[in-house]
Protein backbone atom coordinates (compact mmCIF):
# COMPACT_ATOMS: atom_id res chain seq x y z
CA MET A 1 -66.99 266.57 214.10
CA LEU A 2 -63.82 264.79 215.52
CA PHE A 3 -63.41 262.13 218.08
CA LYS A 4 -59.94 260.15 219.20
CA ALA A 5 -60.28 256.79 220.39
CA THR A 6 -58.44 254.67 222.30
CA LEU A 7 -58.56 250.75 221.15
CA PRO A 8 -56.42 247.10 221.88
CA VAL A 9 -55.12 246.21 219.39
CA MET A 10 -52.74 242.67 218.57
CA VAL A 11 -50.12 242.08 216.62
CA THR A 12 -47.68 239.59 216.72
CA ALA A 13 -43.50 240.69 218.26
CA ARG A 14 -41.29 239.98 220.72
CA PRO A 15 -42.46 241.85 224.15
CA PRO A 16 -40.36 243.22 227.08
CA ARG A 17 -38.35 240.85 228.90
CA ARG A 18 -39.02 238.08 227.04
CA PRO A 19 -37.63 236.04 223.74
CA ALA A 20 -39.99 234.90 221.73
CA LEU A 21 -42.77 236.07 219.40
CA THR A 22 -45.91 235.66 220.93
CA LYS A 23 -49.23 237.89 220.54
CA CYS A 24 -48.66 241.59 222.21
CA VAL A 25 -52.40 243.13 223.18
CA PHE A 26 -51.01 247.25 223.49
CA ARG A 27 -53.43 250.21 223.30
CA THR A 28 -53.58 252.89 220.17
CA GLU A 29 -55.45 255.62 219.40
CA THR A 30 -56.93 256.54 216.69
CA ASP A 31 -59.54 259.49 214.58
CA MET A 32 -62.53 259.47 213.81
CA GLU A 33 -64.88 262.00 212.43
CA PHE A 34 -68.82 262.28 212.47
CA ALA A 35 -70.48 264.82 209.71
CA ASP A 36 -72.22 267.75 212.24
CA VAL A 37 -76.21 267.44 210.86
CA PRO A 38 -78.63 270.41 211.52
CA ALA A 39 -81.38 269.55 212.90
CA GLU A 40 -83.81 271.04 210.34
CA SER A 41 -81.75 268.27 207.82
CA ALA A 42 -82.53 265.45 210.30
CA PRO A 43 -85.99 265.56 210.98
CA VAL A 44 -87.71 263.70 214.33
CA VAL A 45 -90.12 261.55 211.67
CA MET A 46 -90.92 258.99 214.76
CA THR A 47 -91.13 258.17 218.25
CA VAL A 48 -90.18 254.53 219.92
CA ARG A 49 -91.51 254.25 223.64
CA GLY A 50 -92.76 251.24 225.73
CA GLN A 51 -90.73 250.11 229.21
CA TYR A 52 -88.33 246.67 228.79
CA LEU A 53 -87.48 248.03 225.39
CA LEU A 54 -83.91 248.42 225.76
CA GLU A 55 -83.33 251.93 223.52
CA VAL A 56 -85.74 253.35 225.78
CA GLU A 57 -84.47 252.72 228.97
CA ASN A 58 -80.77 253.50 228.01
CA TRP A 59 -82.42 257.09 226.26
CA GLY A 60 -83.97 257.21 229.58
CA GLY A 61 -87.89 257.81 227.38
CA PRO A 62 -89.67 258.04 224.36
CA VAL A 63 -86.74 257.70 222.00
CA PRO A 64 -86.22 260.26 219.13
CA ILE A 65 -85.77 259.02 215.21
CA ARG A 66 -84.38 261.47 213.06
CA MET A 67 -84.07 261.02 209.51
CA ILE A 68 -81.37 262.30 206.70
CA GLY A 69 -82.69 260.73 203.01
CA ASP A 70 -84.35 257.33 203.57
CA ARG A 71 -81.79 256.34 206.43
CA HIS A 72 -83.14 256.10 210.45
CA PHE A 73 -80.97 257.44 213.01
CA LEU A 74 -80.77 256.21 217.00
CA PRO A 75 -79.71 258.70 219.97
CA LEU A 76 -77.42 257.58 221.75
CA MET A 77 -75.83 259.72 224.17
CA SER A 78 -74.07 263.66 223.88
CA THR A 79 -71.18 263.71 222.30
CA GLU A 80 -69.22 264.54 225.51
CA ARG A 81 -70.68 260.85 227.04
CA PHE A 82 -69.58 259.77 223.87
CA ALA A 83 -65.66 261.53 223.63
CA ALA A 84 -65.39 260.29 226.72
CA ALA A 85 -66.46 256.61 226.31
CA LEU A 86 -63.81 256.60 223.66
CA ARG A 87 -61.35 256.47 225.97
CA ASP A 88 -62.30 253.66 228.58
CA PRO A 89 -61.83 250.29 226.01
CA PHE A 90 -62.90 248.54 229.16
CA PRO A 91 -65.43 250.52 230.87
CA SER A 92 -66.19 248.93 235.12
CA HIS A 93 -69.56 246.58 234.47
CA ALA A 94 -69.52 247.80 238.61
CA TYR A 95 -71.61 251.65 237.56
CA SER A 96 -73.63 249.63 235.33
CA THR A 97 -76.75 252.02 236.40
CA ILE A 98 -75.27 254.80 234.59
CA PRO A 99 -76.97 256.44 231.23
CA HIS A 100 -76.63 254.77 228.38
CA PHE A 101 -74.18 252.10 229.95
CA GLN A 102 -75.31 249.07 227.22
CA PHE A 103 -74.50 251.66 224.88
CA ILE A 104 -71.18 252.67 226.02
CA LYS A 105 -70.58 248.82 225.64
CA ASP A 106 -71.38 248.85 222.62
CA ILE A 107 -68.89 250.96 221.19
CA TYR A 108 -65.58 248.32 222.30
CA ASN A 109 -67.35 245.11 222.13
CA PRO A 110 -66.93 244.53 218.44
CA ILE A 111 -63.00 245.22 218.42
CA ARG A 112 -62.93 242.76 221.72
CA ARG A 113 -64.82 239.82 220.04
CA ARG A 114 -62.44 239.72 217.01
CA LEU A 115 -59.28 240.18 219.45
CA TYR A 116 -60.58 237.24 221.90
CA ASP A 117 -61.56 235.20 219.11
CA ASP A 118 -58.02 236.16 216.93
CA LEU A 119 -55.71 235.19 220.31
CA ALA A 120 -57.63 231.53 220.94
CA ASN A 121 -57.43 230.89 217.14
CA TYR A 122 -54.20 232.01 217.48
CA GLY A 123 -52.91 229.73 220.72
CA GLY A 124 -56.05 227.98 222.07
CA MET A 125 -55.13 230.64 225.20
CA MET A 126 -51.68 228.71 226.02
CA ALA A 127 -49.65 230.57 223.61
CA ARG A 128 -49.09 233.06 226.82
CA PRO A 129 -49.33 236.71 225.51
CA TRP A 130 -48.70 240.25 226.65
CA PRO A 131 -49.36 241.54 228.71
CA SER A 132 -49.96 238.23 231.04
CA ALA A 133 -53.57 237.24 231.47
CA ILE A 134 -55.11 239.71 229.01
CA GLU A 135 -57.05 237.93 227.66
CA HIS A 136 -59.35 237.88 230.86
CA LEU A 137 -59.96 240.98 230.11
CA ILE A 138 -60.37 241.62 226.79
CA ARG A 139 -63.30 238.81 226.87
CA GLU A 140 -66.60 240.42 226.02
CA GLY A 141 -68.14 240.95 229.54
CA SER A 142 -65.00 241.00 231.21
CA SER A 143 -63.94 244.34 232.54
CA ARG A 144 -61.66 246.74 234.65
CA HIS A 145 -63.28 246.34 238.34
CA ILE A 146 -62.98 242.30 237.99
CA PHE A 147 -59.29 242.16 236.07
CA ASP A 148 -57.71 245.42 237.85
CA ALA A 149 -53.90 244.03 237.53
CA GLU A 150 -54.47 243.45 233.64
CA ALA A 151 -56.66 246.69 233.01
CA LYS A 152 -53.39 248.53 234.75
CA ALA A 153 -50.57 246.67 232.85
CA PHE A 154 -52.83 247.43 229.62
CA ASP A 155 -53.08 251.32 229.95
CA GLY A 156 -49.01 251.14 230.73
CA SER A 157 -48.55 248.90 227.80
CA GLY A 158 -48.78 251.36 224.78
CA GLY A 159 -44.75 252.15 222.99
CA LYS A 160 -43.67 249.25 224.76
CA ILE A 161 -42.67 246.66 221.50
CA ALA A 162 -40.72 247.71 218.40
CA LEU A 163 -43.37 246.72 215.68
CA ASP A 164 -41.71 245.83 212.31
CA ASP A 165 -43.82 246.56 208.90
CA ASP A 166 -46.10 242.75 209.58
CA ALA A 167 -46.57 244.12 213.15
CA VAL A 168 -47.57 247.81 212.34
CA ALA A 169 -49.85 246.40 209.67
CA GLU A 170 -51.37 243.95 211.98
CA SER A 171 -52.39 246.99 214.16
CA GLU A 172 -53.89 248.87 211.15
CA ARG A 173 -56.09 246.48 210.49
CA TYR A 174 -57.63 245.89 213.93
CA ARG A 175 -57.63 250.20 213.47
CA ASP A 176 -60.09 249.98 210.03
CA TYR A 177 -62.03 247.08 211.86
CA PHE A 178 -62.91 249.00 214.80
CA ALA A 179 -63.18 252.37 212.94
CA LYS A 180 -65.66 250.37 210.21
CA GLY A 181 -68.35 249.94 213.23
CA PHE A 182 -69.07 253.80 213.29
CA GLU A 183 -69.42 254.22 209.70
CA GLY A 184 -72.48 256.53 209.05
CA TYR A 185 -72.71 258.06 212.40
CA VAL A 186 -74.02 261.72 212.66
CA VAL A 187 -73.96 264.13 215.61
CA VAL A 188 -77.25 266.46 215.75
CA ASP A 189 -78.00 268.68 218.11
CA GLY A 190 -74.49 267.51 220.23
CA VAL A 191 -75.82 264.14 220.21
CA VAL A 192 -74.22 261.23 218.36
CA PHE A 193 -76.70 259.25 216.13
CA ARG A 194 -76.10 255.58 214.59
CA PRO A 195 -78.05 254.29 211.47
CA ILE A 196 -80.34 251.80 212.08
CA PRO A 197 -83.02 249.53 210.04
CA GLU A 198 -86.77 251.24 210.16
CA PRO A 199 -88.05 250.33 213.16
CA CYS A 200 -91.14 248.11 213.36
CA TYR A 201 -93.69 245.87 214.98
CA GLN A 202 -92.93 242.03 215.42
CA VAL A 203 -95.03 239.43 216.86
CA ASP A 204 -93.91 236.46 217.90
CA VAL A 205 -96.55 233.97 216.40
CA ASP A 206 -95.61 231.25 219.43
CA SER A 207 -96.77 233.54 222.52
CA GLY A 208 -98.15 236.42 220.00
CA ILE A 209 -96.64 238.83 221.96
CA ILE A 210 -96.39 242.42 220.02
CA SER A 211 -93.66 244.81 221.00
CA ALA A 212 -91.74 247.94 219.07
CA VAL A 213 -88.80 246.55 217.55
CA ILE A 214 -85.73 248.01 215.54
CA PRO A 215 -84.67 245.14 213.88
CA PHE A 216 -81.17 244.63 213.86
CA GLY A 217 -81.40 241.10 213.50
CA LEU A 218 -82.48 241.08 210.34
CA PHE A 219 -79.41 242.36 209.23
CA PRO A 220 -76.50 240.22 210.86
CA ASN A 221 -73.58 242.59 211.88
CA PRO A 222 -70.82 242.43 213.74
CA TYR A 223 -71.50 246.08 215.06
CA ASN A 224 -75.08 245.55 216.03
CA PRO A 225 -75.48 246.30 219.48
CA SER A 226 -74.67 243.35 221.96
CA GLU A 227 -78.28 242.88 223.13
CA ALA A 228 -79.89 243.12 219.45
CA GLN A 229 -82.70 240.94 219.55
CA LEU A 230 -82.17 237.29 217.90
CA PHE A 231 -85.02 236.20 215.23
CA SER A 232 -86.34 233.09 214.17
CA SER A 233 -89.42 231.72 212.27
CA ALA A 234 -91.56 231.98 214.45
CA THR A 235 -91.30 236.35 214.21
CA HIS A 236 -93.89 238.17 211.77
CA PHE A 237 -92.60 241.96 211.10
CA PHE A 238 -95.01 244.83 210.43
CA ALA A 239 -94.60 248.10 209.45
CA ALA A 240 -95.20 250.54 212.31
CA ASP A 241 -98.39 251.89 210.52
CA GLN A 242 -99.68 248.25 210.61
CA LEU A 243 -100.35 247.67 214.48
CA ASP A 244 -103.62 246.84 213.42
CA GLU A 245 -102.86 244.12 211.03
CA ALA A 246 -99.96 242.67 213.76
CA LYS A 247 -102.93 243.05 216.45
CA GLU A 248 -105.28 240.57 214.45
CA LEU A 249 -102.39 238.07 213.91
CA SER A 250 -101.90 238.25 217.74
CA ARG A 251 -105.67 237.15 218.38
CA THR A 252 -106.16 234.96 215.36
CA ARG A 253 -102.27 232.46 215.83
CA GLY A 254 -100.68 233.81 219.28
CA LYS A 255 -100.94 230.97 222.61
CA ASP A 256 -100.91 234.26 224.72
CA ARG A 257 -104.34 235.26 225.49
CA PHE A 258 -103.39 237.91 227.63
CA ALA A 259 -100.79 239.45 224.68
CA LEU A 260 -103.22 242.20 223.56
CA GLU A 261 -103.17 243.29 227.45
CA LEU A 262 -99.69 243.02 227.98
CA LEU A 263 -99.07 245.66 224.66
CA GLU A 264 -101.19 247.72 226.68
CA MET A 265 -99.54 248.01 229.89
CA THR A 266 -95.79 248.09 228.51
CA GLY A 267 -97.15 250.99 226.02
CA CYS A 268 -95.01 249.42 223.43
CA ALA A 269 -95.54 251.70 220.41
CA VAL A 270 -93.66 253.03 217.13
CA ASP A 271 -95.09 256.53 216.34
CA VAL A 272 -95.17 257.89 213.35
CA LEU A 273 -94.98 261.57 212.92
CA ASP A 274 -93.97 261.70 209.56
CA PRO A 275 -95.14 259.50 206.93
CA ARG A 276 -92.09 260.05 204.42
CA ALA A 277 -90.09 257.54 207.58
CA LEU A 278 -92.42 254.72 206.60
CA LEU A 279 -89.85 252.99 202.83
CA GLY A 280 -92.21 250.94 201.78
CA HIS A 281 -90.41 247.67 202.79
CA ASP A 282 -91.91 244.08 202.37
CA TYR A 283 -91.67 242.92 206.05
CA ALA A 284 -93.51 239.51 204.72
CA ALA A 285 -90.59 239.24 203.12
CA ALA A 286 -88.34 239.65 205.04
CA GLY A 287 -89.99 237.53 207.40
CA LEU A 288 -89.46 234.74 205.10
CA HIS A 289 -85.84 235.79 204.23
CA ARG A 290 -85.24 235.08 207.91
CA THR A 291 -86.73 231.97 208.00
CA ALA A 292 -84.31 230.78 204.25
CA ARG A 293 -81.86 231.59 206.54
CA GLU A 294 -82.86 229.07 209.70
CA ILE A 295 -83.60 226.83 207.44
CA ARG A 296 -80.16 226.82 205.29
CA GLN A 297 -78.81 226.56 209.32
CA LEU A 298 -80.78 223.42 209.82
CA PHE A 299 -79.90 221.81 206.34
CA THR A 300 -75.94 222.33 206.64
CA ASP A 301 -74.84 220.43 209.19
CA ASP A 302 -73.32 217.83 207.20
CA ALA A 303 -73.31 217.07 203.54
CA PRO A 304 -77.25 216.51 201.41
CA PRO A 305 -77.57 213.25 200.62
CA ALA A 306 -77.94 213.22 196.43
CA GLU A 307 -81.51 213.58 196.55
CA VAL A 308 -81.99 216.67 197.92
CA ALA A 309 -78.54 218.36 197.30
CA GLN A 310 -79.86 220.70 194.29
CA THR A 311 -82.55 221.67 196.41
CA VAL A 312 -80.31 222.97 199.50
CA LEU A 313 -78.18 224.25 197.18
CA GLU A 314 -81.08 226.49 195.25
CA LEU A 315 -82.11 227.71 198.39
CA ASN A 316 -78.12 228.91 198.99
CA GLN A 317 -78.40 230.39 195.80
CA ALA A 318 -81.91 232.09 196.20
CA LEU A 319 -80.33 233.69 199.77
CA GLU A 320 -77.02 234.87 198.06
CA ALA A 321 -78.87 236.53 195.11
CA SER A 322 -80.77 238.59 197.84
CA GLU A 323 -79.52 242.17 198.76
CA ASP A 324 -80.57 242.33 202.22
CA ALA A 325 -83.73 240.98 203.98
CA TYR A 326 -85.64 243.70 202.16
CA ASN A 327 -84.54 243.10 198.72
CA VAL A 328 -84.88 239.30 198.34
CA SER A 329 -84.53 237.33 195.97
CA PRO A 330 -87.75 236.21 193.36
CA ASP A 331 -86.41 232.95 193.59
CA LEU A 332 -86.54 232.61 197.06
CA GLU A 333 -90.01 231.65 197.77
CA ARG A 334 -90.29 229.10 195.75
CA ALA A 335 -86.61 228.11 197.05
CA VAL A 336 -88.40 227.96 200.34
CA ARG A 337 -91.52 226.23 198.97
CA ALA A 338 -89.00 223.67 197.54
CA ALA A 339 -87.35 222.91 200.60
CA VAL A 340 -90.23 222.51 203.06
CA ALA A 341 -91.41 219.76 199.69
CA LEU A 342 -88.17 218.05 200.70
CA GLU A 343 -90.05 216.30 203.79
CA ASP A 344 -91.70 214.20 201.01
CA VAL A 345 -88.71 213.16 198.94
CA ALA A 346 -86.36 212.48 202.17
CA PRO A 347 -88.34 212.55 205.11
CA ASP A 348 -86.22 210.59 207.47
CA TRP A 349 -83.09 213.59 206.57
CA TYR A 350 -85.90 216.10 207.24
CA ASN A 351 -87.31 215.20 210.18
CA ARG A 352 -83.85 215.08 211.70
CA ARG A 353 -83.51 218.43 211.62
CA VAL A 354 -87.09 220.95 211.12
CA ASP A 355 -88.92 219.68 213.99
CA VAL A 356 -92.88 219.99 213.94
CA GLU A 357 -93.15 223.54 215.50
CA THR A 358 -90.47 224.61 213.27
CA GLY A 359 -92.40 223.19 210.32
CA ARG A 360 -95.65 224.63 211.62
CA ARG A 361 -93.75 227.78 211.73
CA ILE A 362 -92.30 227.43 208.45
CA ALA A 363 -95.57 226.78 207.23
CA PHE A 364 -97.12 229.84 208.50
CA GLN A 365 -94.78 232.32 207.25
CA LEU A 366 -95.33 230.23 203.57
CA GLU A 367 -98.88 231.24 204.56
CA ARG A 368 -98.32 234.84 204.71
CA GLN A 369 -96.76 235.60 201.34
CA ASP A 370 -100.04 234.33 199.41
CA SER A 371 -101.01 237.57 200.80
CA ARG A 372 -98.96 240.03 200.38
CA PRO A 373 -99.92 242.72 197.11
CA ILE A 374 -98.27 241.21 193.48
CA GLU A 375 -97.63 244.58 191.08
CA PHE A 376 -98.37 244.39 187.85
CA SER A 377 -98.84 247.15 184.99
CA LEU A 378 -101.47 246.41 182.20
CA ARG A 379 -101.11 248.02 178.45
CA GLN A 380 -103.85 249.90 176.65
CA PRO A 381 -104.26 247.48 173.73
CA LYS A 382 -103.82 248.58 170.21
CA LEU A 383 -106.28 248.83 167.74
């Protein structure tokens, strides 16, 4: 199905009635085509439900998760509403009660963040872009009902400036960036679906709170939903058929004695309707991968001293060798254990970066690795 989108792009050019080059933001259009997939080729394999879950609130009830091949897909909105949303990059926040409002904002949030950051890097907001004060409108979280004059200037900005070859190339880069965010989107039964990671359960080891989650945060990406949950070393993940294991961890490690009652009250769950929905991901390793990224961030605030430099380097190498959170390097666990051992090698350096609570969370992530299944094969001995 073909969709036409209006989007903001930014180029360096001479705007009307100004002699000097500056950054110009104007509207342009691009076409995007999503595959039409028959419903029988995209069966509903899971349902995500529960109060306070963003996806449930935006959909208006339990969310049917479809599957195409080995990829899961989340419904966003009807093709009619999606097509209408593609006509306005700056939807008014005055109407935040409309259905699918967060999903509608997420259509343009990535390109708006990119434009705002590029404009800030260009002149620190002091270079007077065109149209004037457009930076206030493109900022994420802003909208046309707040900056109406800027929105009207943007609406009339297309075609008013001459573009040289460099400016055309700039605008194409923004078009490509915008379109990349919709790779893999499909249409099923008149509804637009986006690809997602396999829904699962998460347990916050500090509180013991259990919730269903679509774990976008395991896969850092500028096109992730703006309200996607952020994870830390306190977060442990369990497959959708491992709710009992998640409850056991909550009981034994969590501090909130009402965590299980809260789970029942909210009705939060991932219902597996087809066993093919479970791809067999190693969720313990996924939690370790997220923890390793956290440690790397704690360790990279300055140049490490000589006695820890090699360990920090090997942690970085293990992360780089990991394809993603579901496909981690076999060296990652060893690298994390070596990083934790730096507390004995350089205690002052380590303890300034890793506080007691974070150290406890990291230790429990490593402890959980001990219960992971180990795969090996046996060969029949020859006589």
